[in-house]
Amino acid sequence: MMQEPVLRKLFLAFIQVHILYHAKKEPIYGSWIIEELKNHGYEISAGTLYPIFHNLEKDGLLFMNHKKVGGKVRKYYSITEEGNAVLQAARGKIDELKREIE
């Protein structure tokens, strides 16, 4: 179906906004955000999520810390100042688009 690749690209952008939003509230890690996104109807695998985390980190929007949890090292991601600025800009554009398409 022709719509699937197009919708996937759009949803990946929405997922990035979700990640930035939750990383602003508190540090997040992979399995937690996968479950949180599932609550919003997004099915995403770790193989899709971690490249998104890495790209957001590379772009300076997230930073990563290692924390030991239950004897295992877990990667936690938090928003940066730049990430917060991007989230605020995205929020404005989302509000504008929402008003237009209603």
Protein backbone atom coordinates (compact mmCIF):
# COMPACT_ATOMS: atom_id res chain seq x y z
CA MET A 1 0.00 0.00 0.00
CA MET A 2 1.40 3.39 -1.04
CA GLN A 3 0.35 5.15 2.18
CA GLU A 4 2.41 2.97 4.54
CA PRO A 5 5.88 4.47 3.80
CA VAL A 6 4.48 8.01 3.89
CA LEU A 7 2.67 7.42 7.19
CA ARG A 8 5.78 5.78 8.63
CA LYS A 9 7.85 8.88 7.86
CA LEU A 10 5.25 11.14 9.46
CA PHE A 11 4.93 8.92 12.52
CA LEU A 12 8.72 8.83 12.96
CA ALA A 13 8.65 12.62 13.20
CA PHE A 14 5.83 12.43 15.77
CA ILE A 15 7.83 9.86 17.73
CA GLN A 16 10.80 12.22 17.88
CA VAL A 17 8.56 14.93 19.34
CA HIS A 18 7.26 12.42 21.92
CA ILE A 19 10.83 11.49 22.84
CA LEU A 20 11.85 15.13 23.31
CA TYR A 21 8.72 15.84 25.35
CA HIS A 22 9.28 12.93 27.72
CA ALA A 23 13.04 13.56 27.95
CA LYS A 24 12.18 17.09 29.08
CA LYS A 25 10.00 15.77 31.91
CA GLU A 26 12.58 13.25 33.16
CA PRO A 27 15.44 11.06 31.88
CA ILE A 28 14.07 8.23 29.72
CA TYR A 29 15.36 4.86 28.56
CA GLY A 30 14.53 2.60 25.64
CA SER A 31 12.13 0.01 26.99
CA TRP A 32 10.19 2.65 28.93
CA ILE A 33 9.65 4.91 25.88
CA ILE A 34 8.70 1.88 23.75
CA GLU A 35 5.90 1.14 26.23
CA GLU A 36 4.91 4.81 26.47
CA LEU A 37 4.71 5.10 22.68
CA LYS A 38 2.63 1.91 22.60
CA ASN A 39 0.12 3.72 24.84
CA HIS A 40 -0.21 6.28 22.03
CA GLY A 41 -0.69 3.67 19.32
CA TYR A 42 2.88 3.56 18.00
CA GLU A 43 4.54 0.17 17.55
CA ILE A 44 8.30 0.69 17.51
CA SER A 45 11.13 -1.78 17.96
CA ALA A 46 14.42 -1.21 19.75
CA GLY A 47 16.08 -1.52 16.34
CA THR A 48 14.15 1.55 15.19
CA LEU A 49 14.27 3.46 18.48
CA TYR A 50 17.99 3.41 19.23
CA PRO A 51 19.02 4.98 15.90
CA ILE A 52 16.48 7.75 16.66
CA PHE A 53 18.07 8.24 20.09
CA HIS A 54 21.54 8.31 18.52
CA ASN A 55 20.51 10.81 15.84
CA LEU A 56 18.86 13.09 18.40
CA GLU A 57 22.01 12.86 20.50
CA LYS A 58 24.26 13.51 17.48
CA ASP A 59 22.13 16.56 16.62
CA GLY A 60 22.64 17.90 20.15
CA LEU A 61 18.98 17.51 21.18
CA LEU A 62 19.53 14.75 23.76
CA PHE A 63 22.39 13.70 25.97
CA MET A 64 22.96 10.24 27.40
CA ASN A 65 24.06 9.08 30.84
CA HIS A 66 24.79 5.55 31.99
CA LYS A 67 23.19 4.43 35.24
CA LYS A 68 23.52 1.09 36.98
CA VAL A 69 20.07 -0.39 37.65
CA GLY A 70 19.70 -3.84 39.16
CA GLY A 71 23.28 -4.76 38.30
CA LYS A 72 22.86 -3.71 34.65
CA VAL A 73 23.97 -0.51 32.97
CA ARG A 74 21.08 1.38 31.41
CA LYS A 75 21.30 4.35 29.04
CA TYR A 76 19.16 7.30 30.10
CA TYR A 77 18.46 10.17 27.72
CA SER A 78 17.68 13.75 28.75
CA ILE A 79 16.86 16.83 26.71
CA THR A 80 19.47 19.53 26.08
CA GLU A 81 18.87 23.28 25.85
CA GLU A 82 18.91 22.95 22.06
CA GLY A 83 16.47 20.05 22.28
CA ASN A 84 14.17 22.16 24.42
CA ALA A 85 14.30 24.98 21.86
CA VAL A 86 13.47 22.52 19.07
CA LEU A 87 10.60 21.07 21.13
CA GLN A 88 9.19 24.57 21.71
CA ALA A 89 9.43 25.38 17.99
CA ALA A 90 7.79 22.05 17.10
CA ARG A 91 5.01 22.73 19.60
CA GLY A 92 4.24 26.05 17.90
CA LYS A 93 4.19 24.48 14.44
CA ILE A 94 2.02 21.60 15.68
CA ASP A 95 -0.47 24.06 17.20
CA GLU A 96 -0.58 26.04 13.96
CA LEU A 97 -1.06 22.91 11.85
CA LYS A 98 -3.74 21.58 14.18
CA ARG A 99 -5.74 24.80 13.80
CA GLU A 100 -5.40 24.63 10.01
CA ILE A 101 -6.55 21.04 9.57
CA GLU A 102 -9.46 21.09 12.00
